[in-house]
Amino acid sequence: MDAIYKKLFHLPIDKGVTHAELLEKAGFSANIITGIKRDNYISLDSIKKICKTL
């Protein structure tokens, strides 16, 4: 079963954080946001960074 990251993609928007700000604060590349948007595999480490940043 593949993961669906739709809620994770919209969570920063709901919290008033742009994806660019999230990239800068969490310290990862734009490929992570693109992967989330396209429901590609995202490592748990990247998801953890997003959660800690938010």
N, C-alpha and C. Protein backbone atom coordinates (compact mmCIF):
# COMPACT_ATOMS: atom_id res chain seq x y z
N MET A 1 0.84 -1.18 0.00
CA MET A 1 0.00 0.00 0.00
C MET A 1 0.88 1.25 0.00
N ASP A 2 0.61 2.14 -0.88
CA ASP A 2 1.38 3.37 -0.98
C ASP A 2 0.86 4.41 0.02
N ALA A 3 1.75 5.26 0.44
CA ALA A 3 1.37 6.33 1.37
C ALA A 3 0.79 7.49 0.59
N ILE A 4 -0.13 8.19 1.21
CA ILE A 4 -0.72 9.39 0.62
C ILE A 4 -0.38 10.54 1.55
N TYR A 5 0.25 11.56 1.01
CA TYR A 5 0.76 12.67 1.81
C TYR A 5 -0.06 13.94 1.66
N LYS A 6 -1.30 13.83 1.23
CA LYS A 6 -2.13 15.01 0.96
C LYS A 6 -2.25 15.90 2.20
N LYS A 7 -2.52 15.31 3.36
CA LYS A 7 -2.65 16.10 4.58
C LYS A 7 -1.33 16.72 4.98
N LEU A 8 -0.24 15.99 4.79
CA LEU A 8 1.08 16.52 5.12
C LEU A 8 1.44 17.69 4.20
N PHE A 9 1.00 17.64 2.95
CA PHE A 9 1.26 18.72 2.01
C PHE A 9 0.51 19.99 2.42
N HIS A 10 -0.71 19.85 2.93
CA HIS A 10 -1.53 21.01 3.28
C HIS A 10 -1.31 21.50 4.72
N LEU A 11 -0.69 20.71 5.56
CA LEU A 11 -0.47 21.09 6.95
C LEU A 11 0.31 22.40 7.10
N PRO A 12 1.42 22.60 6.39
CA PRO A 12 2.13 23.89 6.53
C PRO A 12 1.26 25.07 6.11
N ILE A 13 0.47 24.90 5.07
CA ILE A 13 -0.41 25.97 4.59
C ILE A 13 -1.43 26.31 5.68
N ASP A 14 -2.00 25.29 6.31
CA ASP A 14 -2.96 25.51 7.38
C ASP A 14 -2.34 26.23 8.57
N LYS A 15 -1.06 26.00 8.80
CA LYS A 15 -0.36 26.64 9.92
C LYS A 15 0.25 27.99 9.54
N GLY A 16 0.04 28.44 8.30
CA GLY A 16 0.54 29.74 7.87
C GLY A 16 2.00 29.75 7.50
N VAL A 17 2.56 28.59 7.15
CA VAL A 17 3.97 28.48 6.77
C VAL A 17 4.02 28.13 5.28
N THR A 18 4.75 28.91 4.51
CA THR A 18 4.89 28.58 3.09
C THR A 18 5.83 27.40 2.94
N HIS A 19 5.74 26.75 1.80
CA HIS A 19 6.64 25.62 1.56
C HIS A 19 8.09 26.09 1.50
N ALA A 20 8.33 27.28 0.99
CA ALA A 20 9.69 27.81 0.94
C ALA A 20 10.24 28.02 2.36
N GLU A 21 9.41 28.54 3.26
CA GLU A 21 9.84 28.73 4.65
C GLU A 21 10.12 27.37 5.31
N LEU A 22 9.27 26.40 5.01
CA LEU A 22 9.46 25.06 5.56
C LEU A 22 10.77 24.46 5.09
N LEU A 23 11.07 24.61 3.81
CA LEU A 23 12.33 24.10 3.27
C LEU A 23 13.52 24.71 3.98
N GLU A 24 13.46 26.02 4.18
CA GLU A 24 14.57 26.73 4.80
C GLU A 24 14.73 26.32 6.27
N LYS A 25 13.62 26.27 7.00
CA LYS A 25 13.68 25.96 8.43
C LYS A 25 14.04 24.50 8.69
N ALA A 26 13.51 23.58 7.88
CA ALA A 26 13.75 22.15 8.10
C ALA A 26 15.08 21.72 7.51
N GLY A 27 15.58 22.46 6.52
CA GLY A 27 16.89 22.17 5.95
C GLY A 27 16.93 21.02 4.97
N PHE A 28 15.94 20.93 4.10
CA PHE A 28 16.00 19.93 3.04
C PHE A 28 15.69 20.55 1.69
N SER A 29 15.79 19.76 0.64
CA SER A 29 15.65 20.30 -0.71
C SER A 29 14.19 20.35 -1.15
N ALA A 30 13.96 21.06 -2.22
CA ALA A 30 12.61 21.19 -2.80
C ALA A 30 12.09 19.85 -3.31
N ASN A 31 12.98 18.90 -3.53
CA ASN A 31 12.55 17.58 -4.00
C ASN A 31 11.64 16.89 -2.98
N ILE A 32 11.81 17.19 -1.72
CA ILE A 32 10.97 16.60 -0.68
C ILE A 32 9.54 17.09 -0.83
N ILE A 33 9.35 18.39 -1.02
CA ILE A 33 8.01 18.95 -1.21
C ILE A 33 7.39 18.40 -2.48
N THR A 34 8.17 18.29 -3.53
CA THR A 34 7.68 17.72 -4.78
C THR A 34 7.26 16.27 -4.58
N GLY A 35 8.05 15.52 -3.85
CA GLY A 35 7.72 14.13 -3.56
C GLY A 35 6.43 13.99 -2.77
N ILE A 36 6.24 14.88 -1.81
CA ILE A 36 5.01 14.87 -1.02
C ILE A 36 3.82 15.20 -1.92
N LYS A 37 3.99 16.20 -2.75
CA LYS A 37 2.92 16.62 -3.65
C LYS A 37 2.51 15.50 -4.61
N ARG A 38 3.47 14.70 -5.04
CA ARG A 38 3.22 13.63 -6.02
C ARG A 38 3.01 12.26 -5.36
N ASP A 39 2.95 12.23 -4.03
CA ASP A 39 2.79 10.98 -3.26
C ASP A 39 3.90 9.97 -3.55
N ASN A 40 5.11 10.48 -3.76
CA ASN A 40 6.28 9.61 -3.89
C ASN A 40 6.79 9.26 -2.49
N TYR A 41 7.69 8.29 -2.43
CA TYR A 41 8.25 7.87 -1.14
C TYR A 41 9.00 9.04 -0.49
N ILE A 42 8.73 9.24 0.79
CA ILE A 42 9.43 10.23 1.60
C ILE A 42 9.96 9.50 2.83
N SER A 43 11.22 9.70 3.14
CA SER A 43 11.81 9.00 4.29
C SER A 43 11.19 9.49 5.59
N LEU A 44 11.20 8.63 6.58
CA LEU A 44 10.68 9.01 7.89
C LEU A 44 11.50 10.14 8.51
N ASP A 45 12.77 10.20 8.18
CA ASP A 45 13.63 11.28 8.67
C ASP A 45 13.12 12.63 8.16
N SER A 46 12.74 12.68 6.89
CA SER A 46 12.21 13.92 6.32
C SER A 46 10.88 14.29 6.95
N ILE A 47 10.03 13.31 7.17
CA ILE A 47 8.73 13.57 7.81
C ILE A 47 8.95 14.06 9.23
N LYS A 48 9.91 13.48 9.92
CA LYS A 48 10.23 13.91 11.28
C LYS A 48 10.70 15.37 11.30
N LYS A 49 11.53 15.76 10.32
CA LYS A 49 12.01 17.14 10.24
C LYS A 49 10.85 18.10 10.02
N ILE A 50 9.92 17.71 9.16
CA ILE A 50 8.74 18.55 8.91
C ILE A 50 7.94 18.73 10.19
N CYS A 51 7.69 17.64 10.89
CA CYS A 51 6.90 17.70 12.13
C CYS A 51 7.58 18.54 13.19
N LYS A 52 8.88 18.39 13.36
CA LYS A 52 9.60 19.19 14.35
C LYS A 52 9.58 20.67 13.98
N THR A 53 9.68 20.96 12.70
CA THR A 53 9.68 22.35 12.25
C THR A 53 8.33 23.01 12.46
N LEU A 54 7.27 22.27 12.22
CA LEU A 54 5.93 22.83 12.38
C LEU A 54 5.53 22.88 13.84
